[in-house]
């Protein structure tokens, strides 16, 4: 597997959201998928601690993708990241096992807290956390422009 040599570092898969910059390059291993096919291929080929899923994924809705992903990897932990999440989307995400719902781009500290909870849970058990983390946005600032960029973007 690709990440065997880095088993001490948590792994993230971002799908349908912008890259997230880590304050320290060794904090976690981050991969990106641009459509549902890439997500499913990645989940079949590699272990990932947390899938961060946005609503702007090409090719399918987050709900259809998570139904398929649960067939490939039933224990996959995931979180929804979106600027506007209505009640129906939140209910559907929770019904599909979303561990966390972020109203904006998660900070590295927030990611570390979620990843620590995942890694500290007993093998075979999903953490029971299901929280919604509000993102403080300055008035008039667009959501998409608040994502920190990775070096080299």
C-alpha atoms as a PDB file:
ATOM      1  CA  UNK A   1       0.000   0.000   0.000  1.00  0.00           C
ATOM      2  CA  UNK A   2       1.142   3.511  -0.714  1.00  0.00           C
ATOM      3  CA  UNK A   3       1.000   4.759   2.883  1.00  0.00           C
ATOM      4  CA  UNK A   4       2.521   1.820   4.729  1.00  0.00           C
ATOM      5  CA  UNK A   5       5.780   3.658   5.379  1.00  0.00           C
ATOM      6  CA  UNK A   6       3.823   6.599   6.834  1.00  0.00           C
ATOM      7  CA  UNK A   7       1.439   4.654   9.070  1.00  0.00           C
ATOM      8  CA  UNK A   8       2.142   7.040  11.946  1.00  0.00           C
ATOM      9  CA  UNK A   9       0.799   9.981   9.905  1.00  0.00           C
ATOM     10  CA  UNK A  10      -2.961  10.251   9.391  1.00  0.00           C
ATOM     11  CA  UNK A  11      -4.251  10.159   5.818  1.00  0.00           C
ATOM     12  CA  UNK A  12      -6.928  12.387   4.298  1.00  0.00           C
ATOM     13  CA  UNK A  13      -8.734  12.125   0.990  1.00  0.00           C
ATOM     14  CA  UNK A  14     -10.299  15.373  -0.232  1.00  0.00           C
ATOM     15  CA  UNK A  15     -13.078  15.087  -2.801  1.00  0.00           C
ATOM     16  CA  UNK A  16     -15.095  17.964  -4.186  1.00  0.00           C
ATOM     17  CA  UNK A  17     -13.280  20.586  -2.085  1.00  0.00           C
ATOM     18  CA  UNK A  18     -10.173  22.731  -2.461  1.00  0.00           C
ATOM     19  CA  UNK A  19      -6.829  21.582  -1.041  1.00  0.00           C
ATOM     20  CA  UNK A  20      -6.181  22.208   2.632  1.00  0.00           C
ATOM     21  CA  UNK A  21      -2.802  23.526   3.675  1.00  0.00           C
ATOM     22  CA  UNK A  22      -1.141  21.959   6.679  1.00  0.00           C
ATOM     23  CA  UNK A  23       0.866  24.208   8.988  1.00  0.00           C
ATOM     24  CA  UNK A  24       3.476  21.462   9.171  1.00  0.00           C
ATOM     25  CA  UNK A  25       4.126  19.291   6.120  1.00  0.00           C
ATOM     26  CA  UNK A  26       4.404  16.167   8.295  1.00  0.00           C
ATOM     27  CA  UNK A  27       1.025  16.638  10.034  1.00  0.00           C
ATOM     28  CA  UNK A  28      -0.893  14.368   7.655  1.00  0.00           C
ATOM     29  CA  UNK A  29      -0.797  12.860   4.192  1.00  0.00           C
ATOM     30  CA  UNK A  30      -3.350  14.500   1.924  1.00  0.00           C
ATOM     31  CA  UNK A  31      -4.627  13.190  -1.428  1.00  0.00           C
ATOM     32  CA  UNK A  32      -7.245  14.697  -3.744  1.00  0.00           C
ATOM     33  CA  UNK A  33      -9.944  13.136  -5.924  1.00  0.00           C
ATOM     34  CA  UNK A  34     -11.922  15.127  -8.480  1.00  0.00           C
ATOM     35  CA  UNK A  35     -14.798  12.790  -9.238  1.00  0.00           C
ATOM     36  CA  UNK A  36     -16.653   9.793  -7.838  1.00  0.00           C
ATOM     37  CA  UNK A  37     -14.635   7.304  -9.869  1.00  0.00           C
ATOM     38  CA  UNK A  38     -11.359   8.596  -8.421  1.00  0.00           C
ATOM     39  CA  UNK A  39     -12.748   8.415  -4.878  1.00  0.00           C
ATOM     40  CA  UNK A  40     -13.870   4.811  -5.278  1.00  0.00           C
ATOM     41  CA  UNK A  41     -10.590   3.828  -6.954  1.00  0.00           C
ATOM     42  CA  UNK A  42      -8.625   5.430  -4.122  1.00  0.00           C
ATOM     43  CA  UNK A  43     -10.703   3.703  -1.425  1.00  0.00           C
ATOM     44  CA  UNK A  44     -10.208   0.325  -3.112  1.00  0.00           C
ATOM     45  CA  UNK A  45      -6.444   0.805  -3.414  1.00  0.00           C
ATOM     46  CA  UNK A  46      -5.474   2.584  -0.190  1.00  0.00           C
ATOM     47  CA  UNK A  47      -6.458   3.005   3.405  1.00  0.00           C
ATOM     48  CA  UNK A  48      -7.449   6.514   4.393  1.00  0.00           C
ATOM     49  CA  UNK A  49      -8.296   7.741   7.873  1.00  0.00           C
ATOM     50  CA  UNK A  50     -10.796  10.395   6.797  1.00  0.00           C
ATOM     51  CA  UNK A  51     -12.615  11.288   3.590  1.00  0.00           C
ATOM     52  CA  UNK A  52     -13.488  14.991   3.420  1.00  0.00           C
ATOM     53  CA  UNK A  53     -16.335  15.266   0.952  1.00  0.00           C
ATOM     54  CA  UNK A  54     -17.738  18.441  -0.580  1.00  0.00           C
ATOM     55  CA  UNK A  55     -20.981  18.984  -2.431  1.00  0.00           C
ATOM     56  CA  UNK A  56     -19.274  19.996  -5.694  1.00  0.00           C
ATOM     57  CA  UNK A  57     -18.013  16.551  -6.642  1.00  0.00           C
ATOM     58  CA  UNK A  58     -18.196  15.904 -10.373  1.00  0.00           C
ATOM     59  CA  UNK A  59     -20.321  13.075 -11.683  1.00  0.00           C
ATOM     60  CA  UNK A  60     -22.637  12.290  -8.781  1.00  0.00           C
ATOM     61  CA  UNK A  61     -24.112  13.536  -5.528  1.00  0.00           C
ATOM     62  CA  UNK A  62     -22.362  13.014  -2.203  1.00  0.00           C
ATOM     63  CA  UNK A  63     -25.181  10.673  -1.133  1.00  0.00           C
ATOM     64  CA  UNK A  64     -24.819   8.361  -4.139  1.00  0.00           C
ATOM     65  CA  UNK A  65     -21.051   8.342  -3.724  1.00  0.00           C
ATOM     66  CA  UNK A  66     -21.230   7.484  -0.013  1.00  0.00           C
ATOM     67  CA  UNK A  67     -23.676   4.647  -0.669  1.00  0.00           C
ATOM     68  CA  UNK A  68     -21.167   3.212  -3.162  1.00  0.00           C
ATOM     69  CA  UNK A  69     -18.186   3.951  -0.901  1.00  0.00           C
ATOM     70  CA  UNK A  70     -19.830   2.068   1.973  1.00  0.00           C
ATOM     71  CA  UNK A  71     -20.053  -0.986  -0.273  1.00  0.00           C
ATOM     72  CA  UNK A  72     -16.319  -0.739  -1.015  1.00  0.00           C
ATOM     73  CA  UNK A  73     -15.269   0.165   2.527  1.00  0.00           C
ATOM     74  CA  UNK A  74     -18.102  -0.058   5.108  1.00  0.00           C
ATOM     75  CA  UNK A  75     -15.981   1.329   7.959  1.00  0.00           C
ATOM     76  CA  UNK A  76     -14.784   4.430   6.070  1.00  0.00           C
ATOM     77  CA  UNK A  77     -14.932   7.555   8.233  1.00  0.00           C
ATOM     78  CA  UNK A  78     -15.993  10.699   6.420  1.00  0.00           C
ATOM     79  CA  UNK A  79     -17.002  14.307   6.952  1.00  0.00           C
ATOM     80  CA  UNK A  80     -19.084  16.672   4.846  1.00  0.00           C
ATOM     81  CA  UNK A  81     -17.608  20.096   4.051  1.00  0.00           C
ATOM     82  CA  UNK A  82     -19.861  22.730   2.480  1.00  0.00           C
ATOM     83  CA  UNK A  83     -20.634  26.439   2.796  1.00  0.00           C
ATOM     84  CA  UNK A  84     -24.406  25.969   2.861  1.00  0.00           C
ATOM     85  CA  UNK A  85     -25.901  22.848   4.370  1.00  0.00           C
ATOM     86  CA  UNK A  86     -29.665  22.725   4.600  1.00  0.00           C
ATOM     87  CA  UNK A  87     -31.551  20.413   6.944  1.00  0.00           C
ATOM     88  CA  UNK A  88     -32.194  17.767   4.259  1.00  0.00           C
ATOM     89  CA  UNK A  89     -28.510  17.527   3.339  1.00  0.00           C
ATOM     90  CA  UNK A  90     -27.490  17.332   6.993  1.00  0.00           C
ATOM     91  CA  UNK A  91     -30.020  14.581   7.719  1.00  0.00           C
ATOM     92  CA  UNK A  92     -28.909  12.599   4.680  1.00  0.00           C
ATOM     93  CA  UNK A  93     -25.217  12.998   5.581  1.00  0.00           C
ATOM     94  CA  UNK A  94     -25.819  11.821   9.139  1.00  0.00           C
ATOM     95  CA  UNK A  95     -27.922   8.882   7.900  1.00  0.00           C
ATOM     96  CA  UNK A  96     -24.972   7.878   5.706  1.00  0.00           C
ATOM     97  CA  UNK A  97     -22.608   8.001   8.677  1.00  0.00           C
ATOM     98  CA  UNK A  98     -20.955  11.426   8.433  1.00  0.00           C
ATOM     99  CA  UNK A  99     -18.696  11.736  11.433  1.00  0.00           C
ATOM    100  CA  UNK A 100     -18.533  15.525  11.281  1.00  0.00           C
ATOM    101  CA  UNK A 101     -20.132  18.290   9.250  1.00  0.00           C
ATOM    102  CA  UNK A 102     -18.015  21.371   8.591  1.00  0.00           C
ATOM    103  CA  UNK A 103     -19.758  24.615   7.562  1.00  0.00           C
ATOM    104  CA  UNK A 104     -16.492  25.789   6.043  1.00  0.00           C
ATOM    105  CA  UNK A 105     -12.950  24.655   5.451  1.00  0.00           C
ATOM    106  CA  UNK A 106     -11.651  22.790   8.504  1.00  0.00           C
ATOM    107  CA  UNK A 107      -8.565  24.159  10.176  1.00  0.00           C
ATOM    108  CA  UNK A 108      -5.564  21.888  10.659  1.00  0.00           C
ATOM    109  CA  UNK A 109      -6.354  21.895  14.398  1.00  0.00           C
ATOM    110  CA  UNK A 110      -9.931  20.747  13.777  1.00  0.00           C
ATOM    111  CA  UNK A 111      -8.676  18.034  11.433  1.00  0.00           C
ATOM    112  CA  UNK A 112      -6.129  16.866  13.988  1.00  0.00           C
ATOM    113  CA  UNK A 113      -8.859  16.569  16.653  1.00  0.00           C
ATOM    114  CA  UNK A 114     -11.067  14.470  14.347  1.00  0.00           C
ATOM    115  CA  UNK A 115      -8.127  12.336  13.198  1.00  0.00           C
ATOM    116  CA  UNK A 116      -6.975  11.767  16.782  1.00  0.00           C
ATOM    117  CA  UNK A 117     -10.477  10.588  17.684  1.00  0.00           C
ATOM    118  CA  UNK A 118     -10.475   8.183  14.720  1.00  0.00           C
ATOM    119  CA  UNK A 119      -7.053   6.796  15.499  1.00  0.00           C
ATOM    120  CA  UNK A 120      -7.796   6.365  19.207  1.00  0.00           C
ATOM    121  CA  UNK A 121     -11.002   4.383  18.644  1.00  0.00           C
ATOM    122  CA  UNK A 122     -10.750   0.608  19.073  1.00  0.00           C
ATOM    123  CA  UNK A 123     -10.166  -1.394  15.906  1.00  0.00           C
ATOM    124  CA  UNK A 124     -13.386  -2.102  14.059  1.00  0.00           C
ATOM    125  CA  UNK A 125     -15.349   0.550  15.950  1.00  0.00           C
ATOM    126  CA  UNK A 126     -16.388   3.824  14.409  1.00  0.00           C
ATOM    127  CA  UNK A 127     -16.076   6.887  16.619  1.00  0.00           C
ATOM    128  CA  UNK A 128     -19.528   8.047  17.628  1.00  0.00           C
ATOM    129  CA  UNK A 129     -18.862  11.747  17.143  1.00  0.00           C
ATOM    130  CA  UNK A 130     -21.370  13.462  14.900  1.00  0.00           C
ATOM    131  CA  UNK A 131     -20.969  17.175  15.305  1.00  0.00           C
ATOM    132  CA  UNK A 132     -21.459  20.227  13.159  1.00  0.00           C
ATOM    133  CA  UNK A 133     -18.571  22.630  13.271  1.00  0.00           C
ATOM    134  CA  UNK A 134     -19.498  26.190  12.427  1.00  0.00           C
ATOM    135  CA  UNK A 135     -17.000  28.222  10.452  1.00  0.00           C
ATOM    136  CA  UNK A 136     -16.664  31.893  11.397  1.00  0.00           C
ATOM    137  CA  UNK A 137     -16.805  33.918   8.178  1.00  0.00           C
ATOM    138  CA  UNK A 138     -16.175  37.640   8.052  1.00  0.00           C
ATOM    139  CA  UNK A 139     -19.152  39.572   6.608  1.00  0.00           C
ATOM    140  CA  UNK A 140     -19.003  39.783   2.836  1.00  0.00           C
ATOM    141  CA  UNK A 141     -16.210  37.232   2.427  1.00  0.00           C
ATOM    142  CA  UNK A 142     -16.896  34.424  -0.013  1.00  0.00           C
ATOM    143  CA  UNK A 143     -16.618  30.905   1.363  1.00  0.00           C
ATOM    144  CA  UNK A 144     -14.483  29.456  -1.425  1.00  0.00           C
ATOM    145  CA  UNK A 145     -11.821  32.135  -0.955  1.00  0.00           C
ATOM    146  CA  UNK A 146     -11.290  31.136   2.690  1.00  0.00           C
ATOM    147  CA  UNK A 147      -9.573  27.821   1.902  1.00  0.00           C
ATOM    148  CA  UNK A 148      -5.856  28.031   2.550  1.00  0.00           C
ATOM    149  CA  UNK A 149      -3.884  26.965  -0.508  1.00  0.00           C
ATOM    150  CA  UNK A 150      -1.241  24.265  -0.477  1.00  0.00           C
ATOM    151  CA  UNK A 151       2.277  25.362  -1.378  1.00  0.00           C
ATOM    152  CA  UNK A 152       2.767  25.195  -5.126  1.00  0.00           C
ATOM    153  CA  UNK A 153      -0.905  25.819  -6.050  1.00  0.00           C
END
